[in-house]
Structure formats: structure tokens, C-alpha cells
Amino acid sequence: MNKRIVFSVAATSVLAASAVTVASASASTSRPAASPNITRPQTVHLYGYTNQRTDINVGAKGMSPGDEFVVTQGLFKDGYRVGNDSIVNTFTNNEGASQCVFTMNLPDGQVTGQVLIAARQKSFVAAVTGGSRRYQNSRGQVQVQLLPSGNIRFTVQLIP
């Protein structure tokens, strides 16, 4: 159970980081939300705070391949809520490695991503796999750091 909490926080962090980057990009331009205006590299720093987590045990008792947890998280930048994210984290072995897929929901669109997380990792880098509306041409990466407080620090790096 403790391993699941650590990986849940990590997955949530990845998602929050993506949302912060997108939110920062939205706030920094005056173009219409519908146009894809990621025209230059952008870096945004976000913090994620978990709202809800659901564990799904599909096999033997305890962590095993196929078990999942689903997380929703508020995303914050400079103390203000800028969006939310949702993640689905599926365990791929008995040691705690997992595949994480996330979507960050921001005022001007969504950013999606994924990462393979090794057991007990406190920081990792997730790939930005796409976006919608203002972020439809986004790609890049999200650096995720699990903090001792249980919160997550995201550094979202978007490129056109």
C-alpha cells in the first residue's frame, strides 16, 4: 500500500506539471483560445495536490501486474488554481513499476502525456504526447518531483 501511495503521488505530479505549463501558456498570450499558439518553447512550474484517489486491485491481494490507481488533482501556479488533471497508473510488475497516462485540463485546452515509472522513483520525466485547442500542436516533456510533503512539483516544457 505504501508503494502505491508513492507511485500515485508521482503520477499525479506528472499530470499536475503538464497542467501548469498549459495554464501558464494560456495566461501569457492574448491570442484566441481556439488558435494553436505554442509558437516558441515555454516552461511552466506547477504544483499538484491530490483531490481523490481510487485503488483497483484486479489480481491477488497486494500489488500485482494490472492493478491500477486513478487520481484527480488540482493544479496550482503561484498559489492560484489553474486547472486539474486526471491520471490512470497501471502496475506492470510485482516490484512497483507502472505505466502512467495523464490529461491536464486547463482553461484553454488539454495537454496529454505518459511515462513508465520505475519502482520507488522520486523524480522522473514524462513525455507530452499532445494537446487540444490552444495546445493542439504541443509536444515536450514534464519533469516530475515528489516532495517530502506529499505534493508534486511539475516543470512543464512545451515546444511547438
C-alpha atoms as a PDB file:
ATOM      1  CA  MET A   1       0.000   0.000   0.000  1.00  0.00           C
ATOM      2  CA  ASN A   2       2.858   2.404   0.797  1.00  0.00           C
ATOM      3  CA  LYS A   3       4.420   1.758  -2.626  1.00  0.00           C
ATOM      4  CA  ARG A   4       1.079   2.572  -4.256  1.00  0.00           C
ATOM      5  CA  ILE A   5       0.894   5.900  -2.478  1.00  0.00           C
ATOM      6  CA  VAL A   6       4.360   6.884  -3.676  1.00  0.00           C
ATOM      7  CA  PHE A   7       3.546   5.959  -7.270  1.00  0.00           C
ATOM      8  CA  SER A   8       0.153   7.651  -7.059  1.00  0.00           C
ATOM      9  CA  VAL A   9       1.834  10.852  -5.970  1.00  0.00           C
ATOM     10  CA  ALA A  10       4.346  10.556  -8.775  1.00  0.00           C
ATOM     11  CA  ALA A  11       1.699  10.010 -11.415  1.00  0.00           C
ATOM     12  CA  THR A  12      -0.355  12.843 -10.030  1.00  0.00           C
ATOM     13  CA  SER A  13       2.694  15.060 -10.153  1.00  0.00           C
ATOM     14  CA  VAL A  14       3.248  14.337 -13.791  1.00  0.00           C
ATOM     15  CA  LEU A  15      -0.271  15.346 -14.546  1.00  0.00           C
ATOM     16  CA  ALA A  16      -0.130  18.485 -12.478  1.00  0.00           C
ATOM     17  CA  ALA A  17       3.073  19.621 -14.116  1.00  0.00           C
ATOM     18  CA  SER A  18       1.536  19.391 -17.540  1.00  0.00           C
ATOM     19  CA  ALA A  19      -1.469  21.396 -16.457  1.00  0.00           C
ATOM     20  CA  VAL A  20       0.653  24.182 -15.019  1.00  0.00           C
ATOM     21  CA  THR A  21       2.612  24.569 -18.212  1.00  0.00           C
ATOM     22  CA  VAL A  22      -0.526  24.773 -20.248  1.00  0.00           C
ATOM     23  CA  ALA A  23      -2.118  27.229 -17.839  1.00  0.00           C
ATOM     24  CA  SER A  24       0.916  29.470 -17.933  1.00  0.00           C
ATOM     25  CA  ALA A  25       0.944  29.437 -21.693  1.00  0.00           C
ATOM     26  CA  SER A  26      -2.731  30.459 -21.736  1.00  0.00           C
ATOM     27  CA  ALA A  27      -2.238  33.328 -19.321  1.00  0.00           C
ATOM     28  CA  SER A  28       0.824  34.709 -21.100  1.00  0.00           C
ATOM     29  CA  THR A  29      -0.739  35.412 -24.501  1.00  0.00           C
ATOM     30  CA  SER A  30      -3.667  37.403 -25.818  1.00  0.00           C
ATOM     31  CA  ARG A  31      -4.475  35.215 -28.820  1.00  0.00           C
ATOM     32  CA  PRO A  32      -7.855  33.482 -29.102  1.00  0.00           C
ATOM     33  CA  ALA A  33      -8.052  30.203 -27.198  1.00  0.00           C
ATOM     34  CA  ALA A  34      -9.021  28.280 -30.343  1.00  0.00           C
ATOM     35  CA  SER A  35      -5.787  29.001 -32.231  1.00  0.00           C
ATOM     36  CA  PRO A  36      -2.739  26.790 -31.678  1.00  0.00           C
ATOM     37  CA  ASN A  37      -0.329  29.406 -30.377  1.00  0.00           C
ATOM     38  CA  ILE A  38       2.512  27.379 -28.996  1.00  0.00           C
ATOM     39  CA  THR A  39       4.955  29.063 -31.367  1.00  0.00           C
ATOM     40  CA  ARG A  40       8.078  29.002 -29.183  1.00  0.00           C
ATOM     41  CA  PRO A  41       9.410  26.891 -26.307  1.00  0.00           C
ATOM     42  CA  GLN A  42       7.650  27.546 -22.971  1.00  0.00           C
ATOM     43  CA  THR A  43       8.418  26.382 -19.436  1.00  0.00           C
ATOM     44  CA  VAL A  44       5.827  26.440 -16.657  1.00  0.00           C
ATOM     45  CA  HIS A  45       6.205  25.460 -12.990  1.00  0.00           C
ATOM     46  CA  LEU A  46       3.160  23.893 -11.283  1.00  0.00           C
ATOM     47  CA  TYR A  47       2.249  22.177  -8.044  1.00  0.00           C
ATOM     48  CA  GLY A  48      -0.220  19.318  -7.807  1.00  0.00           C
ATOM     49  CA  TYR A  49      -2.456  18.497  -4.835  1.00  0.00           C
ATOM     50  CA  THR A  50      -4.439  15.234  -4.872  1.00  0.00           C
ATOM     51  CA  ASN A  51      -8.232  15.559  -4.582  1.00  0.00           C
ATOM     52  CA  GLN A  52      -9.222  11.913  -4.944  1.00  0.00           C
ATOM     53  CA  ARG A  53      -7.592   8.518  -5.411  1.00  0.00           C
ATOM     54  CA  THR A  54      -9.180   5.145  -6.144  1.00  0.00           C
ATOM     55  CA  ASP A  55      -7.194   1.876  -5.980  1.00  0.00           C
ATOM     56  CA  ILE A  56      -8.285  -1.014  -8.210  1.00  0.00           C
ATOM     57  CA  ASN A  57      -6.978  -4.486  -7.312  1.00  0.00           C
ATOM     58  CA  VAL A  58      -7.591  -6.926 -10.180  1.00  0.00           C
ATOM     59  CA  GLY A  59      -5.468  -9.890  -9.134  1.00  0.00           C
ATOM     60  CA  ALA A  60      -4.018 -11.382  -5.999  1.00  0.00           C
ATOM     61  CA  LYS A  61      -4.123  -9.350  -2.794  1.00  0.00           C
ATOM     62  CA  GLY A  62      -1.448  -6.663  -2.806  1.00  0.00           C
ATOM     63  CA  MET A  63       0.292  -5.015  -5.726  1.00  0.00           C
ATOM     64  CA  SER A  64       0.474  -7.107  -8.893  1.00  0.00           C
ATOM     65  CA  PRO A  65       0.545  -6.506 -12.652  1.00  0.00           C
ATOM     66  CA  GLY A  66      -2.729  -5.000 -13.880  1.00  0.00           C
ATOM     67  CA  ASP A  67      -3.616  -3.276 -10.591  1.00  0.00           C
ATOM     68  CA  GLU A  68      -4.358   0.407 -11.074  1.00  0.00           C
ATOM     69  CA  PHE A  69      -4.968   3.625  -9.267  1.00  0.00           C
ATOM     70  CA  VAL A  70      -6.906   6.573 -10.626  1.00  0.00           C
ATOM     71  CA  VAL A  71      -6.137  10.088  -9.347  1.00  0.00           C
ATOM     72  CA  THR A  72      -7.653  13.537  -9.789  1.00  0.00           C
ATOM     73  CA  GLN A  73      -5.574  16.519  -8.775  1.00  0.00           C
ATOM     74  CA  GLY A  74      -5.832  20.290  -8.557  1.00  0.00           C
ATOM     75  CA  LEU A  75      -3.062  22.156 -10.384  1.00  0.00           C
ATOM     76  CA  PHE A  76      -1.681  25.389  -8.928  1.00  0.00           C
ATOM     77  CA  LYS A  77       0.670  28.129 -10.119  1.00  0.00           C
ATOM     78  CA  ASP A  78       1.783  30.960  -7.832  1.00  0.00           C
ATOM     79  CA  GLY A  79      -0.872  29.931  -5.282  1.00  0.00           C
ATOM     80  CA  TYR A  80      -3.779  30.055  -7.748  1.00  0.00           C
ATOM     81  CA  ARG A  81      -5.677  27.078  -9.096  1.00  0.00           C
ATOM     82  CA  VAL A  82      -5.127  26.914 -12.860  1.00  0.00           C
ATOM     83  CA  GLY A  83      -6.763  23.578 -13.666  1.00  0.00           C
ATOM     84  CA  ASN A  84      -6.912  19.904 -12.800  1.00  0.00           C
ATOM     85  CA  ASP A  85      -5.552  16.646 -14.032  1.00  0.00           C
ATOM     86  CA  SER A  86      -6.561  13.017 -14.159  1.00  0.00           C
ATOM     87  CA  ILE A  87      -4.221  10.063 -14.274  1.00  0.00           C
ATOM     88  CA  VAL A  88      -4.503   6.311 -14.635  1.00  0.00           C
ATOM     89  CA  ASN A  89      -1.495   4.395 -13.335  1.00  0.00           C
ATOM     90  CA  THR A  90      -1.254   0.672 -14.167  1.00  0.00           C
ATOM     91  CA  PHE A  91       1.292  -1.520 -12.368  1.00  0.00           C
ATOM     92  CA  THR A  92       3.377  -3.567 -14.788  1.00  0.00           C
ATOM     93  CA  ASN A  93       5.228  -5.874 -12.367  1.00  0.00           C
ATOM     94  CA  ASN A  94       5.266  -7.040  -8.727  1.00  0.00           C
ATOM     95  CA  GLU A  95       8.052  -4.615  -7.764  1.00  0.00           C
ATOM     96  CA  GLY A  96       6.004  -1.451  -8.379  1.00  0.00           C
ATOM     97  CA  ALA A  97       6.940  -0.300 -11.875  1.00  0.00           C
ATOM     98  CA  SER A  98       3.979   1.335 -13.597  1.00  0.00           C
ATOM     99  CA  GLN A  99       2.714   2.928 -16.808  1.00  0.00           C
ATOM    100  CA  CYS A 100       1.087   6.320 -16.219  1.00  0.00           C
ATOM    101  CA  VAL A 101      -1.213   8.102 -18.677  1.00  0.00           C
ATOM    102  CA  PHE A 102      -2.489  11.600 -17.851  1.00  0.00           C
ATOM    103  CA  THR A 103      -4.570  14.513 -19.092  1.00  0.00           C
ATOM    104  CA  MET A 104      -4.251  18.050 -17.765  1.00  0.00           C
ATOM    105  CA  ASN A 105      -7.387  20.151 -18.124  1.00  0.00           C
ATOM    106  CA  LEU A 106      -6.687  23.874 -18.454  1.00  0.00           C
ATOM    107  CA  PRO A 107      -8.862  26.864 -19.337  1.00  0.00           C
ATOM    108  CA  ASP A 108      -7.660  26.987 -22.981  1.00  0.00           C
ATOM    109  CA  GLY A 109      -7.376  23.262 -23.673  1.00  0.00           C
ATOM    110  CA  GLN A 110      -5.883  19.982 -22.557  1.00  0.00           C
ATOM    111  CA  VAL A 111      -2.382  18.503 -22.511  1.00  0.00           C
ATOM    112  CA  THR A 112      -1.805  14.737 -22.550  1.00  0.00           C
ATOM    113  CA  GLY A 113       1.206  12.623 -21.680  1.00  0.00           C
ATOM    114  CA  GLN A 114       2.617   9.347 -20.452  1.00  0.00           C
ATOM    115  CA  VAL A 115       5.572   7.826 -18.638  1.00  0.00           C
ATOM    116  CA  LEU A 116       6.941   4.470 -17.492  1.00  0.00           C
ATOM    117  CA  ILE A 117       7.875   4.845 -13.810  1.00  0.00           C
ATOM    118  CA  ALA A 118      10.419   2.542 -12.154  1.00  0.00           C
ATOM    119  CA  ALA A 119       9.723   1.339  -8.623  1.00  0.00           C
ATOM    120  CA  ARG A 120      10.469   3.890  -5.873  1.00  0.00           C
ATOM    121  CA  GLN A 121      11.376   6.761  -8.210  1.00  0.00           C
ATOM    122  CA  LYS A 122      11.073  10.192  -6.537  1.00  0.00           C
ATOM    123  CA  SER A 123      11.594  12.119  -9.784  1.00  0.00           C
ATOM    124  CA  PHE A 124      11.163  11.308 -13.467  1.00  0.00           C
ATOM    125  CA  VAL A 125      10.440  12.836 -16.873  1.00  0.00           C
ATOM    126  CA  ALA A 126       7.166  12.222 -18.751  1.00  0.00           C
ATOM    127  CA  ALA A 127       6.571  12.755 -22.473  1.00  0.00           C
ATOM    128  CA  VAL A 128       3.958  15.288 -23.602  1.00  0.00           C
ATOM    129  CA  THR A 129       2.079  13.351 -26.287  1.00  0.00           C
ATOM    130  CA  GLY A 130      -0.375  16.005 -27.478  1.00  0.00           C
ATOM    131  CA  GLY A 131      -2.969  18.599 -26.670  1.00  0.00           C
ATOM    132  CA  SER A 132      -6.243  20.197 -27.716  1.00  0.00           C
ATOM    133  CA  ARG A 133      -7.481  23.674 -28.638  1.00  0.00           C
ATOM    134  CA  ARG A 134      -4.690  26.162 -27.838  1.00  0.00           C
ATOM    135  CA  TYR A 135      -2.249  23.308 -27.189  1.00  0.00           C
ATOM    136  CA  GLN A 136      -3.073  21.179 -30.234  1.00  0.00           C
ATOM    137  CA  ASN A 137       0.476  21.478 -31.589  1.00  0.00           C
ATOM    138  CA  SER A 138       2.196  20.928 -28.216  1.00  0.00           C
ATOM    139  CA  ARG A 139       4.888  18.410 -27.522  1.00  0.00           C
ATOM    140  CA  GLY A 140       7.695  18.301 -24.993  1.00  0.00           C
ATOM    141  CA  GLN A 141       8.239  16.866 -21.528  1.00  0.00           C
ATOM    142  CA  VAL A 142       7.237  17.233 -17.896  1.00  0.00           C
ATOM    143  CA  GLN A 143       9.799  16.894 -15.120  1.00  0.00           C
ATOM    144  CA  VAL A 144       8.091  15.493 -12.018  1.00  0.00           C
ATOM    145  CA  GLN A 145       9.444  15.712  -8.481  1.00  0.00           C
ATOM    146  CA  LEU A 146       7.742  14.101  -5.494  1.00  0.00           C
ATOM    147  CA  LEU A 147       8.182  16.376  -2.494  1.00  0.00           C
ATOM    148  CA  PRO A 148       8.519  15.191   1.144  1.00  0.00           C
ATOM    149  CA  SER A 149       5.205  16.962   1.896  1.00  0.00           C
ATOM    150  CA  GLY A 150       3.408  14.593  -0.485  1.00  0.00           C
ATOM    151  CA  ASN A 151       2.811  17.369  -3.027  1.00  0.00           C
ATOM    152  CA  ILE A 152       4.256  17.276  -6.506  1.00  0.00           C
ATOM    153  CA  ARG A 153       6.348  19.836  -8.373  1.00  0.00           C
ATOM    154  CA  PHE A 154       5.933  19.871 -12.157  1.00  0.00           C
ATOM    155  CA  THR A 155       8.169  21.599 -14.642  1.00  0.00           C
ATOM    156  CA  VAL A 156       6.304  21.557 -17.952  1.00  0.00           C
ATOM    157  CA  GLN A 157       8.414  22.212 -21.021  1.00  0.00           C
ATOM    158  CA  LEU A 158       6.368  22.680 -24.194  1.00  0.00           C
ATOM    159  CA  ILE A 159       7.669  23.120 -27.717  1.00  0.00           C
ATOM    160  CA  PRO A 160       5.755  23.685 -30.982  1.00  0.00           C
END
